[in-house]
Amino acid sequence: MAKFTVRVELHDADSADYDLLHEKMEKSGYNRDIYGSNNKLYRLPTAEYSCSKIKSASEIRDEVIDIADLIKDDFDVLVTESASRAWRLSKV
């Protein structure tokens, strides 16, 4: 199963738009938090998500485009497949 980091930027959006995005992304298996090797939970930056799925980056992109398109007409999506991650994030 591949691990992905997904960034979604909704243009001309307000907090209610992002709340709806978070809700729809979570229902589709995208998380806003990640676990570290210390088994502690960390919060990803705003509008970034993590997922593990048996899909390609382009399939993840298309899935996220379908979600974002329900909220706004103008948005950007970036999907990165990762073999490992390093970060400095806030603990949840």
PDB file of N, CA and C in Angstrom:
ATOM      1  N   MET A   1       0.853  -1.171   0.000  1.00  0.00           N
ATOM      2  CA  MET A   1       0.000   0.000   0.000  1.00  0.00           C
ATOM      3  C   MET A   1       0.900   1.236   0.000  1.00  0.00           C
ATOM      4  N   ALA A   2       0.619   2.171  -0.874  1.00  0.00           N
ATOM      5  CA  ALA A   2       1.428   3.376  -0.989  1.00  0.00           C
ATOM      6  C   ALA A   2       0.941   4.451  -0.016  1.00  0.00           C
ATOM      7  N   LYS A   3       1.881   5.288   0.441  1.00  0.00           N
ATOM      8  CA  LYS A   3       1.564   6.415   1.314  1.00  0.00           C
ATOM      9  C   LYS A   3       1.639   7.698   0.494  1.00  0.00           C
ATOM     10  N   PHE A   4       0.644   8.569   0.710  1.00  0.00           N
ATOM     11  CA  PHE A   4       0.580   9.821  -0.030  1.00  0.00           C
ATOM     12  C   PHE A   4       0.380  10.994   0.913  1.00  0.00           C
ATOM     13  N   THR A   5       0.943  12.118   0.522  1.00  0.00           N
ATOM     14  CA  THR A   5       0.631  13.401   1.135  1.00  0.00           C
ATOM     15  C   THR A   5      -0.085  14.217   0.072  1.00  0.00           C
ATOM     16  N   VAL A   6      -1.206  14.804   0.459  1.00  0.00           N
ATOM     17  CA  VAL A   6      -2.054  15.537  -0.488  1.00  0.00           C
ATOM     18  C   VAL A   6      -2.250  16.961   0.026  1.00  0.00           C
ATOM     19  N   ARG A   7      -2.047  17.923  -0.850  1.00  0.00           N
ATOM     20  CA  ARG A   7      -2.289  19.328  -0.535  1.00  0.00           C
ATOM     21  C   ARG A   7      -3.425  19.827  -1.417  1.00  0.00           C
ATOM     22  N   VAL A   8      -4.409  20.470  -0.803  1.00  0.00           N
ATOM     23  CA  VAL A   8      -5.535  21.042  -1.541  1.00  0.00           C
ATOM     24  C   VAL A   8      -5.632  22.513  -1.172  1.00  0.00           C
ATOM     25  N   GLU A   9      -5.604  23.371  -2.172  1.00  0.00           N
ATOM     26  CA  GLU A   9      -5.800  24.798  -1.934  1.00  0.00           C
ATOM     27  C   GLU A   9      -7.051  25.241  -2.674  1.00  0.00           C
ATOM     28  N   LEU A  10      -8.047  25.672  -1.914  1.00  0.00           N
ATOM     29  CA  LEU A  10      -9.285  26.192  -2.477  1.00  0.00           C
ATOM     30  C   LEU A  10      -9.112  27.694  -2.658  1.00  0.00           C
ATOM     31  N   HIS A  11      -9.292  28.186  -3.880  1.00  0.00           N
ATOM     32  CA  HIS A  11      -9.137  29.616  -4.135  1.00  0.00           C
ATOM     33  C   HIS A  11     -10.407  30.374  -3.761  1.00  0.00           C
ATOM     34  N   ASP A  12     -10.218  31.563  -3.205  1.00  0.00           N
ATOM     35  CA  ASP A  12     -11.345  32.404  -2.760  1.00  0.00           C
ATOM     36  C   ASP A  12     -12.275  31.640  -1.826  1.00  0.00           C
ATOM     37  N   ALA A  13     -11.676  30.903  -0.900  1.00  0.00           N
ATOM     38  CA  ALA A  13     -12.444  30.075   0.031  1.00  0.00           C
ATOM     39  C   ALA A  13     -12.497  30.715   1.407  1.00  0.00           C
ATOM     40  N   ASP A  14     -13.516  30.360   2.165  1.00  0.00           N
ATOM     41  CA  ASP A  14     -13.598  30.784   3.558  1.00  0.00           C
ATOM     42  C   ASP A  14     -13.477  29.551   4.456  1.00  0.00           C
ATOM     43  N   SER A  15     -13.529  29.756   5.739  1.00  0.00           N
ATOM     44  CA  SER A  15     -13.322  28.642   6.678  1.00  0.00           C
ATOM     45  C   SER A  15     -14.412  27.578   6.540  1.00  0.00           C
ATOM     46  N   ALA A  16     -15.624  27.966   6.186  1.00  0.00           N
ATOM     47  CA  ALA A  16     -16.701  26.984   6.003  1.00  0.00           C
ATOM     48  C   ALA A  16     -16.397  26.063   4.823  1.00  0.00           C
ATOM     49  N   ASP A  17     -15.784  26.626   3.769  1.00  0.00           N
ATOM     50  CA  ASP A  17     -15.391  25.794   2.631  1.00  0.00           C
ATOM     51  C   ASP A  17     -14.361  24.751   3.063  1.00  0.00           C
ATOM     52  N   TYR A  18     -13.384  25.177   3.848  1.00  0.00           N
ATOM     53  CA  TYR A  18     -12.356  24.240   4.311  1.00  0.00           C
ATOM     54  C   TYR A  18     -12.921  23.228   5.303  1.00  0.00           C
ATOM     55  N   ASP A  19     -13.865  23.643   6.131  1.00  0.00           N
ATOM     56  CA  ASP A  19     -14.515  22.691   7.038  1.00  0.00           C
ATOM     57  C   ASP A  19     -15.203  21.586   6.242  1.00  0.00           C
ATOM     58  N   LEU A  20     -15.885  21.968   5.166  1.00  0.00           N
ATOM     59  CA  LEU A  20     -16.558  20.995   4.303  1.00  0.00           C
ATOM     60  C   LEU A  20     -15.534  20.104   3.601  1.00  0.00           C
ATOM     61  N   LEU A  21     -14.434  20.698   3.143  1.00  0.00           N
ATOM     62  CA  LEU A  21     -13.369  19.919   2.516  1.00  0.00           C
ATOM     63  C   LEU A  21     -12.820  18.884   3.497  1.00  0.00           C
ATOM     64  N   HIS A  22     -12.518  19.316   4.715  1.00  0.00           N
ATOM     65  CA  HIS A  22     -11.996  18.381   5.720  1.00  0.00           C
ATOM     66  C   HIS A  22     -12.968  17.226   5.954  1.00  0.00           C
ATOM     67  N   GLU A  23     -14.235  17.551   6.061  1.00  0.00           N
ATOM     68  CA  GLU A  23     -15.260  16.523   6.295  1.00  0.00           C
ATOM     69  C   GLU A  23     -15.295  15.513   5.147  1.00  0.00           C
ATOM     70  N   LYS A  24     -15.317  16.003   3.921  1.00  0.00           N
ATOM     71  CA  LYS A  24     -15.406  15.114   2.759  1.00  0.00           C
ATOM     72  C   LYS A  24     -14.119  14.311   2.564  1.00  0.00           C
ATOM     73  N   MET A  25     -12.991  14.929   2.821  1.00  0.00           N
ATOM     74  CA  MET A  25     -11.718  14.219   2.685  1.00  0.00           C
ATOM     75  C   MET A  25     -11.625  13.099   3.729  1.00  0.00           C
ATOM     76  N   GLU A  26     -12.004  13.387   4.951  1.00  0.00           N
ATOM     77  CA  GLU A  26     -11.954  12.375   6.006  1.00  0.00           C
ATOM     78  C   GLU A  26     -12.879  11.202   5.694  1.00  0.00           C
ATOM     79  N   LYS A  27     -14.060  11.487   5.156  1.00  0.00           N
ATOM     80  CA  LYS A  27     -14.991  10.420   4.784  1.00  0.00           C
ATOM     81  C   LYS A  27     -14.435   9.535   3.675  1.00  0.00           C
ATOM     82  N   SER A  28     -13.509  10.091   2.890  1.00  0.00           N
ATOM     83  CA  SER A  28     -12.903   9.341   1.780  1.00  0.00           C
ATOM     84  C   SER A  28     -11.554   8.727   2.153  1.00  0.00           C
ATOM     85  N   GLY A  29     -11.211   8.758   3.445  1.00  0.00           N
ATOM     86  CA  GLY A  29     -10.012   8.081   3.901  1.00  0.00           C
ATOM     87  C   GLY A  29      -8.759   8.921   3.970  1.00  0.00           C
ATOM     88  N   TYR A  30      -8.901  10.253   3.946  1.00  0.00           N
ATOM     89  CA  TYR A  30      -7.755  11.159   4.041  1.00  0.00           C
ATOM     90  C   TYR A  30      -7.701  11.737   5.447  1.00  0.00           C
ATOM     91  N   ASN A  31      -6.534  11.674   6.060  1.00  0.00           N
ATOM     92  CA  ASN A  31      -6.361  12.103   7.442  1.00  0.00           C
ATOM     93  C   ASN A  31      -5.602  13.414   7.520  1.00  0.00           C
ATOM     94  N   ARG A  32      -5.922  14.213   8.529  1.00  0.00           N
ATOM     95  CA  ARG A  32      -5.217  15.471   8.754  1.00  0.00           C
ATOM     96  C   ARG A  32      -4.097  15.309   9.776  1.00  0.00           C
ATOM     97  N   ASP A  33      -3.969  14.133  10.336  1.00  0.00           N
ATOM     98  CA  ASP A  33      -2.938  13.833  11.329  1.00  0.00           C
ATOM     99  C   ASP A  33      -2.104  12.656  10.856  1.00  0.00           C
ATOM    100  N   ILE A  34      -0.869  12.578  11.358  1.00  0.00           N
ATOM    101  CA  ILE A  34      -0.005  11.435  11.066  1.00  0.00           C
ATOM    102  C   ILE A  34       0.670  10.979  12.360  1.00  0.00           C
ATOM    103  N   TYR A  35       0.982   9.698  12.406  1.00  0.00           N
ATOM    104  CA  TYR A  35       1.692   9.137  13.553  1.00  0.00           C
ATOM    105  C   TYR A  35       3.184   9.150  13.288  1.00  0.00           C
ATOM    106  N   GLY A  36       3.938   9.538  14.323  1.00  0.00           N
ATOM    107  CA  GLY A  36       5.388   9.489  14.249  1.00  0.00           C
ATOM    108  C   GLY A  36       5.896   8.132  14.679  1.00  0.00           C
ATOM    109  N   SER A  37       7.200   7.911  14.520  1.00  0.00           N
ATOM    110  CA  SER A  37       7.811   6.644  14.935  1.00  0.00           C
ATOM    111  C   SER A  37       7.723   6.459  16.445  1.00  0.00           C
ATOM    112  N   ASN A  38       7.473   7.554  17.171  1.00  0.00           N
ATOM    113  CA  ASN A  38       7.292   7.498  18.627  1.00  0.00           C
ATOM    114  C   ASN A  38       5.849   7.180  19.006  1.00  0.00           C
ATOM    115  N   ASN A  39       5.018   6.869  17.991  1.00  0.00           N
ATOM    116  CA  ASN A  39       3.605   6.530  18.171  1.00  0.00           C
ATOM    117  C   ASN A  39       2.772   7.696  18.690  1.00  0.00           C
ATOM    118  N   LYS A  40       3.264   8.914  18.523  1.00  0.00           N
ATOM    119  CA  LYS A  40       2.507  10.108  18.887  1.00  0.00           C
ATOM    120  C   LYS A  40       1.866  10.678  17.630  1.00  0.00           C
ATOM    121  N   LEU A  41       0.743  11.337  17.822  1.00  0.00           N
ATOM    122  CA  LEU A  41      -0.032  11.884  16.717  1.00  0.00           C
ATOM    123  C   LEU A  41       0.350  13.338  16.473  1.00  0.00           C
ATOM    124  N   TYR A  42       0.552  13.690  15.185  1.00  0.00           N
ATOM    125  CA  TYR A  42       0.943  15.041  14.800  1.00  0.00           C
ATOM    126  C   TYR A  42      -0.050  15.596  13.787  1.00  0.00           C
ATOM    127  N   ARG A  43      -0.296  16.903  13.861  1.00  0.00           N
ATOM    128  CA  ARG A  43      -1.232  17.585  12.959  1.00  0.00           C
ATOM    129  C   ARG A  43      -0.486  18.083  11.728  1.00  0.00           C
ATOM    130  N   LEU A  44      -1.018  17.755  10.553  1.00  0.00           N
ATOM    131  CA  LEU A  44      -0.449  18.254   9.307  1.00  0.00           C
ATOM    132  C   LEU A  44      -0.797  19.732   9.129  1.00  0.00           C
ATOM    133  N   PRO A  45      -0.026  20.449   8.316  1.00  0.00           N
ATOM    134  CA  PRO A  45      -0.373  21.846   8.038  1.00  0.00           C
ATOM    135  C   PRO A  45      -1.767  21.952   7.413  1.00  0.00           C
ATOM    136  N   THR A  46      -2.337  23.115   7.479  1.00  0.00           N
ATOM    137  CA  THR A  46      -3.677  23.369   6.962  1.00  0.00           C
ATOM    138  C   THR A  46      -3.828  22.881   5.525  1.00  0.00           C
ATOM    139  N   ALA A  47      -4.913  22.159   5.280  1.00  0.00           N
ATOM    140  CA  ALA A  47      -5.275  21.656   3.949  1.00  0.00           C
ATOM    141  C   ALA A  47      -4.293  20.645   3.394  1.00  0.00           C
ATOM    142  N   GLU A  48      -3.565  19.969   4.275  1.00  0.00           N
ATOM    143  CA  GLU A  48      -2.739  18.827   3.862  1.00  0.00           C
ATOM    144  C   GLU A  48      -3.315  17.583   4.507  1.00  0.00           C
ATOM    145  N   TYR A  49      -3.208  16.494   3.766  1.00  0.00           N
ATOM    146  CA  TYR A  49      -3.799  15.233   4.187  1.00  0.00           C
ATOM    147  C   TYR A  49      -2.824  14.100   3.926  1.00  0.00           C
ATOM    148  N   SER A  50      -3.042  13.016   4.622  1.00  0.00           N
ATOM    149  CA  SER A  50      -2.245  11.817   4.440  1.00  0.00           C
ATOM    150  C   SER A  50      -3.194  10.651   4.197  1.00  0.00           C
ATOM    151  N   CYS A  51      -2.740   9.708   3.368  1.00  0.00           N
ATOM    152  CA  CYS A  51      -3.531   8.501   3.161  1.00  0.00           C
ATOM    153  C   CYS A  51      -2.613   7.366   2.737  1.00  0.00           C
ATOM    154  N   SER A  52      -3.069   6.165   2.954  1.00  0.00           N
ATOM    155  CA  SER A  52      -2.421   4.950   2.462  1.00  0.00           C
ATOM    156  C   SER A  52      -3.469   4.199   1.663  1.00  0.00           C
ATOM    157  N   LYS A  53      -3.209   4.056   0.378  1.00  0.00           N
ATOM    158  CA  LYS A  53      -4.182   3.398  -0.494  1.00  0.00           C
ATOM    159  C   LYS A  53      -3.452   2.602  -1.565  1.00  0.00           C
ATOM    160  N   ILE A  54      -4.146   1.633  -2.117  1.00  0.00           N
ATOM    161  CA  ILE A  54      -3.614   0.853  -3.244  1.00  0.00           C
ATOM    162  C   ILE A  54      -4.054   1.575  -4.514  1.00  0.00           C
ATOM    163  N   LYS A  55      -3.431   2.718  -4.757  1.00  0.00           N
ATOM    164  CA  LYS A  55      -3.729   3.539  -5.928  1.00  0.00           C
ATOM    165  C   LYS A  55      -2.444   4.242  -6.353  1.00  0.00           C
ATOM    166  N   SER A  56      -2.462   4.778  -7.557  1.00  0.00           N
ATOM    167  CA  SER A  56      -1.341   5.583  -8.039  1.00  0.00           C
ATOM    168  C   SER A  56      -1.558   7.042  -7.625  1.00  0.00           C
ATOM    169  N   ALA A  57      -0.515   7.839  -7.748  1.00  0.00           N
ATOM    170  CA  ALA A  57      -0.633   9.269  -7.440  1.00  0.00           C
ATOM    171  C   ALA A  57      -1.679   9.931  -8.324  1.00  0.00           C
ATOM    172  N   SER A  58      -1.732   9.556  -9.588  1.00  0.00           N
ATOM    173  CA  SER A  58      -2.722  10.169 -10.482  1.00  0.00           C
ATOM    174  C   SER A  58      -4.149   9.739 -10.123  1.00  0.00           C
ATOM    175  N   GLU A  59      -4.324   8.512  -9.635  1.00  0.00           N
ATOM    176  CA  GLU A  59      -5.657   8.078  -9.189  1.00  0.00           C
ATOM    177  C   GLU A  59      -6.070   8.835  -7.925  1.00  0.00           C
ATOM    178  N   ILE A  60      -5.128   9.055  -7.016  1.00  0.00           N
ATOM    179  CA  ILE A  60      -5.403   9.851  -5.817  1.00  0.00           C
ATOM    180  C   ILE A  60      -5.765  11.271  -6.229  1.00  0.00           C
ATOM    181  N   ARG A  61      -4.971  11.859  -7.146  1.00  0.00           N
ATOM    182  CA  ARG A  61      -5.253  13.209  -7.650  1.00  0.00           C
ATOM    183  C   ARG A  61      -6.681  13.306  -8.180  1.00  0.00           C
ATOM    184  N   ASP A  62      -7.071  12.357  -9.017  1.00  0.00           N
ATOM    185  CA  ASP A  62      -8.404  12.389  -9.611  1.00  0.00           C
ATOM    186  C   ASP A  62      -9.496  12.271  -8.555  1.00  0.00           C
ATOM    187  N   GLU A  63      -9.270  11.424  -7.562  1.00  0.00           N
ATOM    188  CA  GLU A  63     -10.235  11.262  -6.477  1.00  0.00           C
ATOM    189  C   GLU A  63     -10.384  12.572  -5.696  1.00  0.00           C
ATOM    190  N   VAL A  64      -9.265  13.223  -5.412  1.00  0.00           N
ATOM    191  CA  VAL A  64      -9.296  14.474  -4.654  1.00  0.00           C
ATOM    192  C   VAL A  64      -9.902  15.604  -5.491  1.00  0.00           C
ATOM    193  N   ILE A  65      -9.627  15.621  -6.781  1.00  0.00           N
ATOM    194  CA  ILE A  65     -10.250  16.612  -7.667  1.00  0.00           C
ATOM    195  C   ILE A  65     -11.765  16.485  -7.599  1.00  0.00           C
ATOM    196  N   ASP A  66     -12.276  15.272  -7.634  1.00  0.00           N
ATOM    197  CA  ASP A  66     -13.726  15.056  -7.549  1.00  0.00           C
ATOM    198  C   ASP A  66     -14.287  15.599  -6.232  1.00  0.00           C
ATOM    199  N   ILE A  67     -13.539  15.444  -5.142  1.00  0.00           N
ATOM    200  CA  ILE A  67     -13.984  15.948  -3.840  1.00  0.00           C
ATOM    201  C   ILE A  67     -13.956  17.476  -3.826  1.00  0.00           C
ATOM    202  N   ALA A  68     -12.834  18.056  -4.220  1.00  0.00           N
ATOM    203  CA  ALA A  68     -12.684  19.514  -4.179  1.00  0.00           C
ATOM    204  C   ALA A  68     -13.669  20.205  -5.113  1.00  0.00           C
ATOM    205  N   ASP A  69     -13.965  19.568  -6.228  1.00  0.00           N
ATOM    206  CA  ASP A  69     -14.877  20.142  -7.213  1.00  0.00           C
ATOM    207  C   ASP A  69     -16.302  20.290  -6.661  1.00  0.00           C
ATOM    208  N   LEU A  70     -16.637  19.524  -5.636  1.00  0.00           N
ATOM    209  CA  LEU A  70     -17.945  19.647  -4.984  1.00  0.00           C
ATOM    210  C   LEU A  70     -18.044  20.918  -4.147  1.00  0.00           C
ATOM    211  N   ILE A  71     -16.878  21.508  -3.829  1.00  0.00           N
ATOM    212  CA  ILE A  71     -16.845  22.646  -2.916  1.00  0.00           C
ATOM    213  C   ILE A  71     -16.580  23.960  -3.649  1.00  0.00           C
ATOM    214  N   LYS A  72     -15.597  23.948  -4.525  1.00  0.00           N
ATOM    215  CA  LYS A  72     -15.203  25.154  -5.253  1.00  0.00           C
ATOM    216  C   LYS A  72     -14.891  24.802  -6.697  1.00  0.00           C
ATOM    217  N   ASP A  73     -15.008  25.788  -7.575  1.00  0.00           N
ATOM    218  CA  ASP A  73     -14.649  25.582  -8.978  1.00  0.00           C
ATOM    219  C   ASP A  73     -13.156  25.793  -9.216  1.00  0.00           C
ATOM    220  N   ASP A  74     -12.532  26.595  -8.362  1.00  0.00           N
ATOM    221  CA  ASP A  74     -11.128  26.965  -8.557  1.00  0.00           C
ATOM    222  C   ASP A  74     -10.301  26.443  -7.389  1.00  0.00           C
ATOM    223  N   PHE A  75      -9.397  25.522  -7.667  1.00  0.00           N
ATOM    224  CA  PHE A  75      -8.576  24.916  -6.612  1.00  0.00           C
ATOM    225  C   PHE A  75      -7.327  24.310  -7.232  1.00  0.00           C
ATOM    226  N   ASP A  76      -6.364  24.027  -6.377  1.00  0.00           N
ATOM    227  CA  ASP A  76      -5.144  23.324  -6.764  1.00  0.00           C
ATOM    228  C   ASP A  76      -5.029  22.055  -5.928  1.00  0.00           C
ATOM    229  N   VAL A  77      -4.482  21.008  -6.539  1.00  0.00           N
ATOM    230  CA  VAL A  77      -4.251  19.736  -5.853  1.00  0.00           C
ATOM    231  C   VAL A  77      -2.837  19.270  -6.172  1.00  0.00           C
ATOM    232  N   LEU A  78      -2.105  18.887  -5.145  1.00  0.00           N
ATOM    233  CA  LEU A  78      -0.771  18.318  -5.303  1.00  0.00           C
ATOM    234  C   LEU A  78      -0.717  17.015  -4.526  1.00  0.00           C
ATOM    235  N   VAL A  79      -0.323  15.947  -5.190  1.00  0.00           N
ATOM    236  CA  VAL A  79      -0.222  14.624  -4.566  1.00  0.00           C
ATOM    237  C   VAL A  79       1.225  14.164  -4.652  1.00  0.00           C
ATOM    238  N   THR A  80       1.770  13.746  -3.513  1.00  0.00           N
ATOM    239  CA  THR A  80       3.138  13.250  -3.456  1.00  0.00           C
ATOM    240  C   THR A  80       3.135  11.867  -2.814  1.00  0.00           C
ATOM    241  N   GLU A  81       3.707  10.898  -3.509  1.00  0.00           N
ATOM    242  CA  GLU A  81       3.874   9.567  -2.922  1.00  0.00           C
ATOM    243  C   GLU A  81       5.170   9.574  -2.135  1.00  0.00           C
ATOM    244  N   SER A  82       5.131   9.021  -0.936  1.00  0.00           N
ATOM    245  CA  SER A  82       6.320   9.089  -0.084  1.00  0.00           C
ATOM    246  C   SER A  82       6.764   7.711   0.393  1.00  0.00           C
ATOM    247  N   ALA A  83       8.067   7.514   0.349  1.00  0.00           N
ATOM    248  CA  ALA A  83       8.664   6.304   0.907  1.00  0.00           C
ATOM    249  C   ALA A  83       8.988   6.527   2.380  1.00  0.00           C
ATOM    250  N   SER A  84       9.308   7.775   2.728  1.00  0.00           N
ATOM    251  CA  SER A  84       9.559   8.140   4.123  1.00  0.00           C
ATOM    252  C   SER A  84       9.225   9.607   4.301  1.00  0.00           C
ATOM    253  N   ARG A  85       9.077  10.015   5.556  1.00  0.00           N
ATOM    254  CA  ARG A  85       8.747  11.401   5.869  1.00  0.00           C
ATOM    255  C   ARG A  85       9.598  11.873   7.035  1.00  0.00           C
ATOM    256  N   ALA A  86       9.922  13.133   7.032  1.00  0.00           N
ATOM    257  CA  ALA A  86      10.580  13.780   8.157  1.00  0.00           C
ATOM    258  C   ALA A  86       9.855  15.096   8.378  1.00  0.00           C
ATOM    259  N   TRP A  87       9.636  15.499   9.630  1.00  0.00           N
ATOM    260  CA  TRP A  87       8.872  16.706   9.871  1.00  0.00           C
ATOM    261  C   TRP A  87       9.156  17.302  11.228  1.00  0.00           C
ATOM    262  N   ARG A  88       8.669  18.511  11.354  1.00  0.00           N
ATOM    263  CA  ARG A  88       8.530  19.178  12.648  1.00  0.00           C
ATOM    264  C   ARG A  88       7.117  19.723  12.654  1.00  0.00           C
ATOM    265  N   LEU A  89       6.238  19.036  13.339  1.00  0.00           N
ATOM    266  CA  LEU A  89       4.824  19.375  13.385  1.00  0.00           C
ATOM    267  C   LEU A  89       4.363  19.461  14.830  1.00  0.00           C
ATOM    268  N   SER A  90       3.235  20.095  15.039  1.00  0.00           N
ATOM    269  CA  SER A  90       2.645  20.174  16.369  1.00  0.00           C
ATOM    270  C   SER A  90       1.984  18.858  16.716  1.00  0.00           C
ATOM    271  N   LYS A  91       2.143  18.454  17.982  1.00  0.00           N
ATOM    272  CA  LYS A  91       1.443  17.256  18.456  1.00  0.00           C
ATOM    273  C   LYS A  91      -0.027  17.582  18.622  1.00  0.00           C
ATOM    274  N   VAL A  92      -0.847  16.573  18.396  1.00  0.00           N
ATOM    275  CA  VAL A  92      -2.299  16.736  18.557  1.00  0.00           C
ATOM    276  C   VAL A  92      -2.643  16.559  20.010  1.00  0.00           C
TER     277      VAL A  92
END
